[in-house]
Amino acid sequence: YQLVDNPNRLHTVKYRAPHSDHWEDRPLDWAMERIAQLVKETRDSTWEDKDEKDHRVQRTLGIAHLGGATLDNEENYLLKKLYTALGIVQVENQARI
């Protein structure tokens, strides 16, 4: 409950531009849009419809995910579904440890 409804919860993100020497406060909406843009750009630029043997693969190897033990099975299940829908095949987590 307190993760969502906490008076100390931050509502901005810290962003440091490439080659910058300082951090800036940015709105959460800006950060979410930026992440979506970068994922789309990377996915589009690394997309493979077929492999070298002409097998249909429809994937990207330009994005990977390594999850942590703080995620439970249900969260990992949803993340795996999202990444599969995006064509991301390199998905791993340490929740099983």
C-alpha atoms as a PDB file:
ATOM      1  CA  TYR A   1       0.000   0.000   0.000  1.00  0.00           C
ATOM      2  CA  GLN A   2       2.696   2.473   0.946  1.00  0.00           C
ATOM      3  CA  LEU A   3       4.466   2.008  -2.393  1.00  0.00           C
ATOM      4  CA  VAL A   4       1.481   3.700  -4.059  1.00  0.00           C
ATOM      5  CA  ASP A   5       0.103   5.970  -1.347  1.00  0.00           C
ATOM      6  CA  ASN A   6       3.137   7.407   0.397  1.00  0.00           C
ATOM      7  CA  PRO A   7       3.738  11.129   1.021  1.00  0.00           C
ATOM      8  CA  ASN A   8       7.474  10.524   0.447  1.00  0.00           C
ATOM      9  CA  ARG A   9       6.941   8.957  -2.978  1.00  0.00           C
ATOM     10  CA  LEU A  10       8.809  10.715  -5.767  1.00  0.00           C
ATOM     11  CA  HIS A  11       6.754  11.934  -8.711  1.00  0.00           C
ATOM     12  CA  THR A  12       9.677  12.901 -10.915  1.00  0.00           C
ATOM     13  CA  VAL A  13      12.622  11.002 -12.311  1.00  0.00           C
ATOM     14  CA  LYS A  14      16.266  11.919 -12.353  1.00  0.00           C
ATOM     15  CA  TYR A  15      17.714  12.220 -15.853  1.00  0.00           C
ATOM     16  CA  ARG A  16      21.268  12.859 -16.937  1.00  0.00           C
ATOM     17  CA  ALA A  17      21.701  13.608 -20.607  1.00  0.00           C
ATOM     18  CA  PRO A  18      24.579  11.975 -22.477  1.00  0.00           C
ATOM     19  CA  HIS A  19      27.884  13.728 -21.687  1.00  0.00           C
ATOM     20  CA  SER A  20      26.203  15.917 -19.047  1.00  0.00           C
ATOM     21  CA  ASP A  21      27.701  16.495 -15.615  1.00  0.00           C
ATOM     22  CA  HIS A  22      24.446  17.044 -13.720  1.00  0.00           C
ATOM     23  CA  TRP A  23      21.091  15.406 -13.076  1.00  0.00           C
ATOM     24  CA  GLU A  24      17.763  17.012 -13.974  1.00  0.00           C
ATOM     25  CA  ASP A  25      14.276  16.428 -12.619  1.00  0.00           C
ATOM     26  CA  ARG A  26      11.921  15.318 -15.371  1.00  0.00           C
ATOM     27  CA  PRO A  27       8.213  14.410 -15.221  1.00  0.00           C
ATOM     28  CA  LEU A  28       7.323  10.740 -15.044  1.00  0.00           C
ATOM     29  CA  ASP A  29       5.232  11.061 -18.232  1.00  0.00           C
ATOM     30  CA  TRP A  30       8.294  12.340 -20.095  1.00  0.00           C
ATOM     31  CA  ALA A  31      10.386   9.391 -18.875  1.00  0.00           C
ATOM     32  CA  MET A  32       7.760   6.806 -19.849  1.00  0.00           C
ATOM     33  CA  GLU A  33       7.457   8.332 -23.337  1.00  0.00           C
ATOM     34  CA  ARG A  34      11.251   8.401 -23.708  1.00  0.00           C
ATOM     35  CA  ILE A  35      11.571   4.748 -22.713  1.00  0.00           C
ATOM     36  CA  ALA A  36       8.834   3.786 -25.186  1.00  0.00           C
ATOM     37  CA  GLN A  37      10.603   5.707 -27.973  1.00  0.00           C
ATOM     38  CA  LEU A  38      13.943   4.051 -27.268  1.00  0.00           C
ATOM     39  CA  VAL A  39      12.412   0.567 -27.118  1.00  0.00           C
ATOM     40  CA  LYS A  40      10.617   1.148 -30.435  1.00  0.00           C
ATOM     41  CA  GLU A  41      13.729   2.554 -32.126  1.00  0.00           C
ATOM     42  CA  THR A  42      15.875  -0.350 -30.931  1.00  0.00           C
ATOM     43  CA  ARG A  43      13.261  -2.945 -31.839  1.00  0.00           C
ATOM     44  CA  ASP A  44      12.760  -1.481 -35.320  1.00  0.00           C
ATOM     45  CA  SER A  45      16.491  -1.224 -36.039  1.00  0.00           C
ATOM     46  CA  THR A  46      17.295  -4.783 -34.871  1.00  0.00           C
ATOM     47  CA  TRP A  47      14.160  -6.625 -36.043  1.00  0.00           C
ATOM     48  CA  GLU A  48      14.628  -9.968 -37.821  1.00  0.00           C
ATOM     49  CA  ASP A  49      11.804 -11.552 -39.818  1.00  0.00           C
ATOM     50  CA  LYS A  50      13.892 -14.533 -40.920  1.00  0.00           C
ATOM     51  CA  ASP A  51      17.185 -16.029 -39.825  1.00  0.00           C
ATOM     52  CA  GLU A  52      20.139 -16.958 -42.051  1.00  0.00           C
ATOM     53  CA  LYS A  53      18.464 -20.313 -42.896  1.00  0.00           C
ATOM     54  CA  ASP A  54      15.297 -18.498 -44.034  1.00  0.00           C
ATOM     55  CA  HIS A  55      13.314 -19.706 -41.006  1.00  0.00           C
ATOM     56  CA  ARG A  56      10.648 -17.288 -39.811  1.00  0.00           C
ATOM     57  CA  VAL A  57      11.769 -15.957 -36.401  1.00  0.00           C
ATOM     58  CA  GLN A  58      10.148 -12.518 -35.948  1.00  0.00           C
ATOM     59  CA  ARG A  59      12.412 -11.372 -33.125  1.00  0.00           C
ATOM     60  CA  THR A  60      14.836  -8.768 -31.908  1.00  0.00           C
ATOM     61  CA  LEU A  61      18.166  -9.580 -30.324  1.00  0.00           C
ATOM     62  CA  GLY A  62      18.824  -5.912 -29.595  1.00  0.00           C
ATOM     63  CA  ILE A  63      16.896  -5.918 -26.306  1.00  0.00           C
ATOM     64  CA  ALA A  64      17.279  -8.256 -23.342  1.00  0.00           C
ATOM     65  CA  HIS A  65      15.791  -8.416 -19.848  1.00  0.00           C
ATOM     66  CA  LEU A  66      17.399  -9.557 -16.609  1.00  0.00           C
ATOM     67  CA  GLY A  67      14.938  -9.467 -13.727  1.00  0.00           C
ATOM     68  CA  GLY A  68      15.617  -9.497 -10.027  1.00  0.00           C
ATOM     69  CA  ALA A  69      14.445 -11.563  -7.100  1.00  0.00           C
ATOM     70  CA  THR A  70      12.114  -8.797  -5.886  1.00  0.00           C
ATOM     71  CA  LEU A  71       9.600  -9.714  -8.603  1.00  0.00           C
ATOM     72  CA  ASP A  72       7.173 -12.515  -7.839  1.00  0.00           C
ATOM     73  CA  ASN A  73       6.026 -15.236 -10.257  1.00  0.00           C
ATOM     74  CA  GLU A  74       2.964 -13.291 -11.351  1.00  0.00           C
ATOM     75  CA  GLU A  75       4.984 -10.183 -12.205  1.00  0.00           C
ATOM     76  CA  ASN A  76       7.553 -12.265 -14.075  1.00  0.00           C
ATOM     77  CA  TYR A  77       4.741 -13.986 -15.987  1.00  0.00           C
ATOM     78  CA  LEU A  78       3.342 -10.622 -17.132  1.00  0.00           C
ATOM     79  CA  LEU A  79       6.787  -9.319 -18.067  1.00  0.00           C
ATOM     80  CA  LYS A  80       7.499 -12.455 -20.096  1.00  0.00           C
ATOM     81  CA  LYS A  81       4.196 -11.978 -21.965  1.00  0.00           C
ATOM     82  CA  LEU A  82       5.075  -8.341 -22.723  1.00  0.00           C
ATOM     83  CA  TYR A  83       8.578  -9.171 -23.947  1.00  0.00           C
ATOM     84  CA  THR A  84       7.328 -12.056 -26.074  1.00  0.00           C
ATOM     85  CA  ALA A  85       4.766  -9.759 -27.694  1.00  0.00           C
ATOM     86  CA  LEU A  86       7.600  -7.324 -28.493  1.00  0.00           C
ATOM     87  CA  GLY A  87       9.688 -10.128 -30.030  1.00  0.00           C
ATOM     88  CA  ILE A  88      12.281 -10.084 -27.251  1.00  0.00           C
ATOM     89  CA  VAL A  89      13.700 -13.572 -26.726  1.00  0.00           C
ATOM     90  CA  GLN A  90      16.523 -12.947 -24.242  1.00  0.00           C
ATOM     91  CA  VAL A  91      14.558 -12.931 -20.979  1.00  0.00           C
ATOM     92  CA  GLU A  92      15.980 -14.163 -17.687  1.00  0.00           C
ATOM     93  CA  ASN A  93      15.282 -13.631 -14.007  1.00  0.00           C
ATOM     94  CA  GLN A  94      16.682 -14.851 -10.739  1.00  0.00           C
ATOM     95  CA  ALA A  95      13.360 -15.309  -8.929  1.00  0.00           C
ATOM     96  CA  ARG A  96      13.890 -19.061  -8.900  1.00  0.00           C
ATOM     97  CA  ILE A  97      17.026 -18.807  -6.737  1.00  0.00           C
END
